[in-house]
Amino acid sequence: MIVVAHPFGNANVRALLATLLEEGLLAKYVTTLGWSSQARWLERAPARWRSQLARRGYEMPPDKLEAHPVREIVRHAAGAIRAKPLIQHERGWASIDRVWQELDARAADYLLHCQHPAHVRAV
C-alpha cells in the first residue's frame, strides 16, 4: 500500500491516484483541500458553486482521502485580501512553506497512527 501526500491535485497526482486506486494500492491520499466526488454534501451545495467545488473533488472513496484545509484556505483568503504578513515566504502562518510543512506533518501522523502500518510500503 502507498500513501500519497500532495497539497493540491495536479494532473500528475490525479493520474497517480487513479492508477493506485485501480490497482488496489492506495492506502491514503493526504492533501490540504479536497474531498471525494462521492461526498453527499456536494449534492446539497448551491448549483452555482458546484463547478468550483468539483475542481477540488477526487474520484475516490471518502475513506481514502484525508484533508487538512485550514492553512490552505487562509492562504487563498490572505492573498485575495492582500494580507501579506500571513503569506510571507517562510515566515507567514499561511505561507506556502508552512502549508507544505503542515501537510508533511499530517502525513507523518497518519503513518504513526494508521491501523496497519506494516501494509504501507511507500510514501
Protein backbone atom coordinates (compact mmCIF):
# COMPACT_ATOMS: atom_id res chain seq x y z
CA MET A 1 0.00 0.00 0.00
CA ILE A 2 1.12 3.55 -0.75
CA VAL A 3 0.40 6.87 0.97
CA VAL A 4 0.34 9.90 -1.33
CA ALA A 5 0.75 13.37 0.15
CA HIS A 6 0.37 16.46 -2.02
CA PRO A 7 -1.12 19.89 -1.23
CA PHE A 8 -3.13 20.14 -4.44
CA GLY A 9 -4.07 17.59 -7.03
CA ASN A 10 -2.44 18.48 -10.29
CA ALA A 11 -2.88 16.25 -13.34
CA ASN A 12 0.12 14.08 -12.47
CA VAL A 13 -1.10 13.45 -8.93
CA ARG A 14 -4.61 12.66 -10.16
CA ALA A 15 -3.25 10.16 -12.69
CA LEU A 16 -1.14 8.51 -9.99
CA LEU A 17 -4.13 8.33 -7.62
CA ALA A 18 -6.34 6.80 -10.31
CA THR A 19 -3.75 4.13 -11.09
CA LEU A 20 -3.13 3.30 -7.43
CA LEU A 21 -6.86 3.02 -6.79
CA GLU A 22 -7.36 0.84 -9.85
CA GLU A 23 -4.58 -1.48 -8.70
CA GLY A 24 -5.80 -1.51 -5.09
CA LEU A 25 -2.57 0.06 -3.83
CA LEU A 26 -3.72 3.39 -2.37
CA ALA A 27 -3.69 3.40 1.42
CA LYS A 28 -4.50 7.12 1.80
CA TYR A 29 -4.26 10.44 -0.04
CA VAL A 30 -3.33 13.24 2.35
CA THR A 31 -3.94 16.74 0.98
CA THR A 32 -4.73 20.27 2.02
CA LEU A 33 -8.00 20.98 0.33
CA GLY A 34 -10.06 18.29 -1.34
CA TRP A 35 -12.93 15.85 -0.99
CA SER A 36 -14.32 12.76 -2.53
CA SER A 37 -16.58 13.43 -5.50
CA GLN A 38 -18.84 10.85 -3.83
CA ALA A 39 -19.38 13.12 -0.80
CA ARG A 40 -23.10 13.56 -0.16
CA TRP A 41 -22.78 17.20 0.84
CA LEU A 42 -21.78 18.13 -2.72
CA GLU A 43 -25.31 17.32 -3.89
CA ARG A 44 -26.67 19.89 -1.42
CA ALA A 45 -24.22 22.63 -2.40
CA PRO A 46 -25.67 25.55 -4.36
CA ALA A 47 -25.62 24.89 -8.10
CA ARG A 48 -23.52 27.99 -8.77
CA TRP A 49 -20.73 26.61 -6.53
CA ARG A 50 -20.68 23.04 -7.80
CA SER A 51 -18.33 23.60 -10.73
CA GLN A 52 -15.79 25.33 -8.49
CA LEU A 53 -16.14 22.64 -5.84
CA ALA A 54 -15.69 19.92 -8.46
CA ARG A 55 -12.17 21.24 -9.16
CA ARG A 56 -11.09 20.03 -5.73
CA GLY A 57 -13.02 16.76 -5.97
CA TYR A 58 -11.30 13.40 -6.34
CA GLU A 59 -12.71 10.22 -7.84
CA MET A 60 -12.13 8.06 -4.80
CA PRO A 61 -13.98 6.73 -1.79
CA PRO A 62 -14.15 9.23 1.10
CA ASP A 63 -12.19 6.89 3.40
CA LYS A 64 -9.15 7.09 1.10
CA LEU A 65 -8.85 10.89 1.37
CA GLU A 66 -7.67 12.88 4.37
CA ALA A 67 -7.84 16.67 4.01
CA HIS A 68 -6.36 19.38 6.22
CA PRO A 69 -7.69 22.59 4.68
CA VAL A 70 -7.26 25.40 7.23
CA ARG A 71 -3.88 26.84 6.20
CA GLU A 72 -4.67 26.48 2.50
CA ILE A 73 -7.98 28.29 2.88
CA VAL A 74 -6.30 31.06 4.89
CA ARG A 75 -3.53 31.28 2.28
CA HIS A 76 -6.05 31.81 -0.51
CA ALA A 77 -8.09 34.29 1.51
CA ALA A 78 -4.98 36.22 2.61
CA GLY A 79 -3.85 36.51 -0.99
CA ALA A 80 -7.26 37.80 -2.04
CA ILE A 81 -7.38 40.48 0.66
CA ARG A 82 -3.66 41.25 0.42
CA ALA A 83 -2.82 40.21 3.98
CA LYS A 84 0.87 39.83 3.14
CA PRO A 85 2.16 39.04 6.66
CA LEU A 86 0.08 35.84 6.67
CA ILE A 87 1.62 34.56 3.45
CA GLN A 88 5.13 35.98 3.74
CA HIS A 89 7.67 33.49 2.36
CA GLU A 90 8.90 31.09 5.05
CA ARG A 91 7.54 33.28 7.88
CA GLY A 92 3.81 33.70 7.38
CA TRP A 93 1.44 31.35 9.20
CA ALA A 94 -0.23 30.53 5.87
CA SER A 95 2.82 30.76 3.60
CA ILE A 96 3.19 28.03 1.03
CA ASP A 97 6.17 26.77 3.05
CA ARG A 98 4.01 26.33 6.15
CA VAL A 99 1.25 24.68 4.11
CA TRP A 100 3.73 22.07 2.85
CA GLN A 101 5.30 21.60 6.30
CA GLU A 102 1.93 21.00 7.91
CA LEU A 103 0.98 18.57 5.16
CA ASP A 104 4.20 16.63 5.73
CA ALA A 105 3.45 16.52 9.47
CA ARG A 106 -0.10 15.30 8.85
CA ALA A 107 1.14 12.55 6.53
CA ALA A 108 3.66 11.51 9.20
CA ASP A 109 0.85 11.48 11.79
CA TYR A 110 -1.17 9.21 9.52
CA LEU A 111 1.75 6.81 9.25
CA LEU A 112 2.22 6.79 13.03
CA HIS A 113 -1.44 6.11 13.75
CA CYS A 114 -2.68 4.03 10.81
CA GLN A 115 -4.28 0.72 11.69
CA HIS A 116 -1.99 -1.43 9.55
CA PRO A 117 1.40 0.34 9.34
CA ALA A 118 3.12 -2.78 8.05
CA HIS A 119 0.96 -2.65 4.90
CA VAL A 120 2.29 0.80 3.94
CA ARG A 121 5.35 0.27 1.77
CA ALA A 122 5.89 3.72 0.24
CA VAL A 123 5.05 7.40 0.60
